Protein backbone atom coordinates (compact mmCIF):
# COMPACT_ATOMS: atom_id res chain seq x y z
CA MET A 1 -33.12 -27.06 25.80
CA PRO A 2 -36.46 -26.54 27.50
CA PRO A 3 -38.95 -27.42 28.71
CA ASN A 4 -37.16 -30.87 29.64
CA PHE A 5 -38.96 -33.15 31.89
CA ALA A 6 -36.18 -35.54 32.42
CA PRO A 7 -32.49 -35.01 33.38
CA GLN A 8 -31.33 -36.51 30.07
CA THR A 9 -32.58 -36.44 26.59
CA PHE A 10 -31.86 -39.46 23.93
CA ASP A 11 -31.04 -38.22 20.48
CA ASN A 12 -29.89 -40.33 17.27
CA VAL A 13 -26.57 -38.13 17.14
CA ALA A 14 -23.86 -40.59 15.92
CA SER A 15 -22.75 -41.25 12.16
CA ILE A 16 -20.76 -44.42 11.53
CA ARG A 17 -19.20 -45.46 8.04
CA ASN A 18 -18.11 -49.18 7.20
CA LYS A 19 -16.24 -49.47 3.94
CA GLY A 20 -14.50 -52.29 2.55
CA PHE A 21 -13.74 -54.70 -0.66
CA GLU A 22 -14.79 -58.08 -1.09
CA ALA A 23 -14.42 -60.38 -3.91
CA VAL A 24 -15.65 -63.95 -4.59
CA VAL A 25 -14.26 -66.49 -7.22
CA ASN A 26 -15.56 -69.94 -7.73
CA TYR A 27 -14.28 -72.39 -10.36
CA ASN A 28 -16.04 -75.01 -11.44
CA ASN A 29 -14.15 -78.32 -12.36
CA LEU A 30 -10.87 -76.69 -12.09
CA ILE A 31 -9.52 -80.25 -12.33
CA GLU A 32 -11.58 -82.68 -14.19
CA LYS A 33 -9.99 -86.30 -14.84
CA GLU A 34 -12.03 -89.69 -15.24
CA ASN A 35 -12.80 -90.61 -11.96
CA PHE A 36 -12.18 -87.34 -9.75
CA THR A 37 -13.41 -83.64 -9.78
CA TRP A 38 -12.15 -80.47 -7.78
CA SER A 39 -13.91 -77.32 -7.92
CA PRO A 40 -13.07 -74.65 -5.45
CA GLY A 41 -13.96 -71.19 -4.58
CA ILE A 42 -12.48 -68.39 -2.72
CA VAL A 43 -14.03 -65.28 -0.66
CA PHE A 44 -11.64 -62.45 0.23
CA SER A 45 -12.99 -59.10 2.22
CA LYS A 46 -11.17 -56.28 3.81
CA TYR A 47 -13.52 -53.70 5.62
CA SER A 48 -12.78 -50.46 7.99
CA ILE A 49 -15.25 -48.64 10.25
CA THR A 50 -14.71 -44.90 11.24
CA LEU A 51 -16.70 -43.03 13.76
CA GLU A 52 -17.20 -39.70 11.45
CA ASP A 53 -19.39 -37.81 14.02
CA PHE A 54 -20.32 -38.71 17.61
CA GLY A 55 -21.96 -35.97 18.32
CA ARG A 56 -19.57 -34.35 20.88
CA GLU A 57 -16.17 -32.67 19.84
CA ASP A 58 -14.10 -34.15 22.92
CA THR A 59 -12.79 -37.87 23.42
CA ILE A 60 -14.46 -40.04 26.29
CA ALA A 61 -13.36 -43.52 27.12
CA ILE A 62 -16.10 -46.49 26.81
CA ALA A 63 -16.61 -49.76 27.04
CA GLY A 64 -15.48 -50.25 31.19
CA VAL A 65 -13.99 -53.33 32.15
CA GLY A 66 -16.46 -53.74 35.56
CA ALA A 67 -16.34 -55.10 39.19
CA PRO A 68 -14.95 -56.60 41.50
CA GLY A 69 -12.25 -53.60 41.26
CA GLN A 70 -12.19 -52.28 37.65
CA ASN A 71 -15.04 -50.11 37.57
CA GLY A 72 -13.09 -47.17 36.43
CA VAL A 73 -10.83 -48.64 33.81
CA TYR A 74 -11.94 -48.53 30.11
CA TYR A 75 -11.27 -50.89 27.13
CA THR A 76 -11.11 -48.18 24.29
CA ILE A 77 -11.79 -44.79 23.20
CA ALA A 78 -14.11 -42.72 20.97
CA TYR A 79 -13.68 -39.21 19.26
CA ASN A 80 -15.02 -37.69 15.76
CA ASN A 81 -12.96 -39.39 12.83
CA ALA A 82 -11.51 -42.36 14.98
CA PRO A 83 -11.34 -45.73 13.46
CA LEU A 84 -13.19 -47.84 15.48
CA GLY A 85 -11.63 -50.73 17.25
CA GLN A 86 -8.57 -48.82 18.96
CA LEU A 87 -8.22 -50.85 22.19
CA TRP A 88 -6.46 -48.33 24.53
CA GLY A 89 -4.68 -48.54 27.86
CA PRO A 90 -1.49 -48.64 29.51
CA VAL A 91 1.52 -50.70 28.32
CA ARG A 92 3.06 -52.95 30.92
CA THR A 93 7.02 -52.96 30.38
CA GLY A 94 8.05 -55.70 32.81
CA VAL A 95 8.03 -56.82 36.75
CA ALA A 96 9.84 -55.48 39.32
CA SER A 97 11.93 -56.99 41.74
CA ASP A 98 9.12 -56.71 44.65
CA GLY A 99 6.46 -58.15 41.80
CA SER A 100 4.60 -54.76 41.07
CA ILE A 101 4.18 -54.38 37.47
CA LEU A 102 6.07 -51.55 35.47
CA TYR A 103 4.12 -49.28 32.71
CA GLU A 104 5.79 -47.24 30.08
CA ASP A 105 5.95 -43.48 30.69
CA ILE A 106 3.83 -42.77 27.50
CA ASP A 107 3.76 -39.01 27.85
CA GLY A 108 7.64 -38.44 28.92
CA ASP A 109 6.73 -36.32 31.80
CA GLY A 110 8.84 -38.27 34.15
CA THR A 111 6.16 -39.89 36.30
CA VAL A 112 3.34 -42.88 35.02
CA ASN A 113 -0.07 -41.84 35.27
CA ILE A 114 -1.67 -45.41 33.98
CA GLU A 115 -5.44 -43.85 34.69
CA ALA A 116 -5.93 -41.25 32.36
CA PHE A 117 -6.11 -42.19 29.01
CA ASN A 118 -4.73 -38.69 27.36
CA ALA A 119 -1.50 -39.40 29.92
CA ASP A 120 0.12 -42.71 30.01
CA GLN A 121 -2.17 -44.84 27.88
CA LYS A 122 -2.07 -45.54 23.75
CA LYS A 123 -3.20 -47.69 21.15
CA VAL A 124 -2.19 -51.43 22.52
CA GLY A 125 -4.83 -53.44 19.59
CA ASP A 126 -6.89 -53.25 17.06
CA GLY A 127 -10.44 -54.98 17.21
CA VAL A 128 -11.04 -54.88 13.38
CA PRO A 129 -9.25 -57.51 11.31
CA ALA A 130 -6.97 -56.69 8.68
CA PHE A 131 -8.56 -59.02 5.78
CA GLU A 132 -10.66 -62.30 6.06
CA LEU A 133 -10.17 -65.08 3.34
CA GLY A 134 -12.64 -68.06 2.76
CA LEU A 135 -12.24 -71.23 0.93
CA ASN A 136 -14.75 -73.49 -0.18
CA ASN A 137 -14.11 -76.99 -1.90
CA THR A 138 -16.12 -79.66 -3.11
CA ILE A 139 -14.22 -83.03 -4.39
CA THR A 140 -15.17 -85.81 -5.97
CA LEU A 141 -13.66 -89.48 -6.28
CA GLY A 142 -15.75 -92.25 -7.74
CA ASN A 143 -18.93 -92.34 -5.89
CA PHE A 144 -17.70 -90.31 -2.62
CA GLU A 145 -17.80 -87.05 -2.36
CA LEU A 146 -16.33 -84.39 -0.14
CA ASN A 147 -17.20 -80.85 0.99
CA PHE A 148 -15.46 -78.29 3.64
CA PHE A 149 -15.38 -74.79 3.77
CA LEU A 150 -12.08 -73.24 5.67
CA ARG A 151 -11.81 -69.73 7.09
CA GLY A 152 -9.39 -67.71 8.22
CA VAL A 153 -9.44 -64.32 9.93
CA PHE A 154 -6.26 -62.24 9.88
CA GLY A 155 -4.76 -59.02 11.81
CA HIS A 156 -7.25 -58.45 14.73
CA ASP A 157 -6.52 -58.18 18.13
CA LEU A 158 -8.90 -59.18 21.11
CA ALA A 159 -8.82 -58.12 24.92
CA ASN A 160 -9.04 -61.27 26.79
CA GLU A 161 -11.12 -60.27 29.89
CA TYR A 162 -10.78 -63.84 31.30
CA ARG A 163 -6.83 -62.90 31.45
CA VAL A 164 -7.97 -59.38 33.24
CA PHE A 165 -9.79 -60.71 36.04
CA TYR A 166 -8.43 -64.11 36.54
CA GLU A 167 -4.58 -64.03 35.60
CA ASN A 168 -4.95 -63.17 38.86
CA LEU A 169 -2.13 -60.55 40.48
CA ASP A 170 -3.50 -60.18 44.37
CA PRO A 171 -2.15 -62.90 46.59
CA THR A 172 -5.15 -62.12 49.02
CA ALA A 173 -7.95 -63.49 46.58
CA VAL A 174 -6.86 -66.95 47.42
CA THR A 175 -10.38 -68.30 46.46
CA TRP A 176 -9.91 -67.80 42.76
CA ASN A 177 -9.14 -70.05 39.90
CA LYS A 178 -6.06 -68.24 38.21
CA VAL A 179 -5.90 -68.09 34.34
CA ASP A 180 -2.94 -70.01 33.44
CA THR A 181 -1.86 -69.22 30.01
CA LYS A 182 1.39 -68.97 28.28
CA TYR A 183 1.34 -65.44 29.60
CA PHE A 184 0.89 -66.25 33.39
CA ASP A 185 4.03 -65.02 35.32
CA GLU A 186 3.87 -66.23 38.72
CA ASN A 187 6.72 -63.35 39.96
CA ALA A 188 3.88 -60.80 39.23
CA VAL A 189 1.66 -59.53 42.48
CA GLY A 190 -0.67 -56.89 42.96
CA SER A 191 -4.09 -56.08 41.94
CA ASN A 192 -5.72 -56.60 38.29
CA ARG A 193 -5.70 -54.27 35.96
CA PHE A 194 -6.56 -54.20 32.26
CA ASN A 195 -3.48 -53.27 30.11
CA SER A 196 -1.24 -54.06 27.01
CA TYR A 197 -0.46 -57.37 28.10
CA HIS A 198 -4.01 -58.60 28.07
CA VAL A 199 -4.05 -57.77 24.42
CA GLU A 200 -3.59 -60.61 22.09
CA ASP A 201 -3.27 -61.72 18.56
CA ALA A 202 -6.79 -63.47 17.91
CA THR A 203 -5.64 -64.55 13.96
CA PHE A 204 -7.13 -67.94 13.20
CA LEU A 205 -7.86 -70.40 10.64
CA ARG A 206 -10.96 -72.34 11.35
CA LEU A 207 -12.45 -75.23 9.59
CA ASP A 208 -16.31 -74.55 9.63
CA ASN A 209 -17.72 -77.56 8.31
CA ALA A 210 -17.09 -80.56 6.47
CA SER A 211 -19.18 -83.32 4.74
CA LEU A 212 -18.11 -86.64 3.51
CA GLY A 213 -20.50 -88.57 1.64
CA TYR A 214 -21.01 -91.62 -0.54
CA ASN A 215 -23.51 -92.37 -3.21
CA PHE A 216 -24.59 -95.91 -3.77
CA LYS A 217 -25.27 -96.80 -7.60
CA LEU A 218 -28.67 -98.20 -7.87
CA PRO A 219 -30.16 -101.01 -10.00
CA THR A 220 -32.63 -99.73 -12.66
CA ASP A 221 -35.35 -101.31 -11.02
CA SER A 222 -34.69 -100.01 -7.39
CA TRP A 223 -37.28 -98.14 -5.42
CA PHE A 224 -35.44 -95.44 -5.05
CA THR A 225 -33.83 -93.06 -7.71
CA ASN A 226 -30.91 -92.08 -5.30
CA ALA A 227 -29.16 -93.22 -1.76
CA ARG A 228 -26.35 -91.50 -0.14
CA VAL A 229 -24.59 -91.91 3.18
CA TYR A 230 -22.70 -89.18 4.92
CA LEU A 231 -20.93 -87.97 7.96
CA SER A 232 -20.69 -84.20 8.82
CA GLY A 233 -19.17 -81.60 11.24
CA GLN A 234 -19.12 -78.09 12.03
CA ASN A 235 -16.77 -76.43 13.93
CA LEU A 236 -13.90 -79.12 13.54
CA PHE A 237 -11.23 -77.41 14.38
CA THR A 238 -9.54 -73.78 15.09
CA ILE A 239 -5.68 -72.99 14.86
CA THR A 240 -4.74 -69.72 16.51
CA GLY A 241 -2.32 -68.52 19.13
CA TYR A 242 -5.06 -66.68 21.05
CA THR A 243 -5.30 -68.18 24.58
CA GLY A 244 -9.17 -67.16 25.31
CA VAL A 245 -12.37 -68.79 24.69
CA ASP A 246 -12.94 -67.73 20.87
CA PRO A 247 -10.88 -65.55 18.53
CA GLU A 248 -13.78 -64.78 16.82
CA PRO A 249 -13.89 -60.92 16.23
CA ARG A 250 -15.90 -59.17 18.58
CA LEU A 251 -17.68 -56.21 16.44
CA GLY A 252 -19.92 -55.38 19.02
CA ASP A 253 -19.48 -55.10 23.02
CA THR A 254 -21.98 -57.12 25.15
CA GLY A 255 -20.63 -54.44 28.21
CA ALA A 256 -19.56 -55.58 31.46
CA SER A 257 -20.78 -58.22 33.28
CA ASP A 258 -19.72 -57.58 36.98
CA ASN A 259 -18.69 -60.46 39.03
CA GLY A 260 -19.19 -62.79 36.26
CA GLY A 261 -22.84 -62.11 35.95
CA ARG A 262 -25.19 -61.78 32.81
CA PHE A 263 -24.30 -59.38 30.04
CA SER A 264 -26.21 -56.94 27.99
CA THR A 265 -28.48 -58.33 24.96
CA GLU A 266 -27.52 -55.19 23.31
CA LEU A 267 -23.95 -54.72 20.88
CA ASN A 268 -22.07 -51.53 21.59
CA PRO A 269 -20.78 -50.75 18.04
CA LEU A 270 -18.29 -48.45 19.46
CA ALA A 271 -16.37 -50.95 21.36
CA PRO A 272 -15.03 -53.79 19.09
CA GLY A 273 -12.15 -56.07 20.04
CA ILE A 274 -13.40 -56.81 23.63
CA ASP A 275 -13.42 -60.78 24.62
CA ARG A 276 -16.00 -60.51 27.61
CA ARG A 277 -15.66 -63.30 30.21
CA SER A 278 -19.23 -64.38 29.30
CA THR A 279 -18.17 -65.72 26.31
CA TYR A 280 -19.18 -69.47 26.06
CA PHE A 281 -17.29 -72.22 24.42
CA LEU A 282 -18.39 -73.45 20.84
CA ALA A 283 -19.65 -76.20 20.36
CA ARG A 284 -18.23 -78.74 17.95
CA THR A 285 -20.89 -81.27 16.15
CA VAL A 286 -20.80 -84.56 14.34
CA SER A 287 -23.33 -86.45 12.43
CA VAL A 288 -24.17 -89.17 10.41
CA GLY A 289 -27.15 -89.55 8.07
CA VAL A 290 -28.70 -91.03 5.19
CA ASN A 291 -30.26 -90.04 2.29
CA PHE A 292 -33.01 -91.73 0.10
CA GLY A 293 -34.65 -90.26 -3.07
CA PHE A 294 -38.08 -91.95 -4.39
């Protein structure tokens, strides 16, 4: 509404609702014997995210894939009262004899138009997990003490952007390193384009941290009240079928990093489920320590 002194007006119009359930149960000394104890704890959580009001009535495509070659391609859509995390795109059905990619005629009109989200595109994944589960354990055996935390995230998908760009289909791009995963098909030729084939189940089970310590029995005239040595580690292993760098859910999108450049530091909450090619590898750390108490 006038008077306007700029071509755009920014307003806080969106309304997002996140609702769910979380339960925590801890049991001290579930097993307790003369020289052995086990105290487990479990955390269960489930949630959903809904875009209640987008400030407009139409449906729009958001979260662009980016350059090179996919500036007009998007990962998801947004509209009022829609669950967030809907990965949206064409459905790959196979490879033709000439190496071209075949797509599903979703609207059934006899032609395939994979560039329109309201034509031959549909939901191809869900970026929000079905549920998450954590298991914490404290075990003692004599003077030894073991602590470890297992965490699992189940039922979410990720768009693997490394595959979107570098599972290369274009034979003219001879200088690119192809992403050679279990999905790679050397018979497919053509241009890279995001589709259902790039969306993977990212369910995983991870040993987040573990620590093994030994508490020494000290004489009564010792200078120390306690002495302990320990070995600890973080991100020790991950069990998953996901072929990308990290199967962790992405509940906010960092945005397109054109030609592998820098990405935004601001997360877009309207586009969960996108594993951008700016994702770097997680570090596994192992440390040894000694504790003395006075």
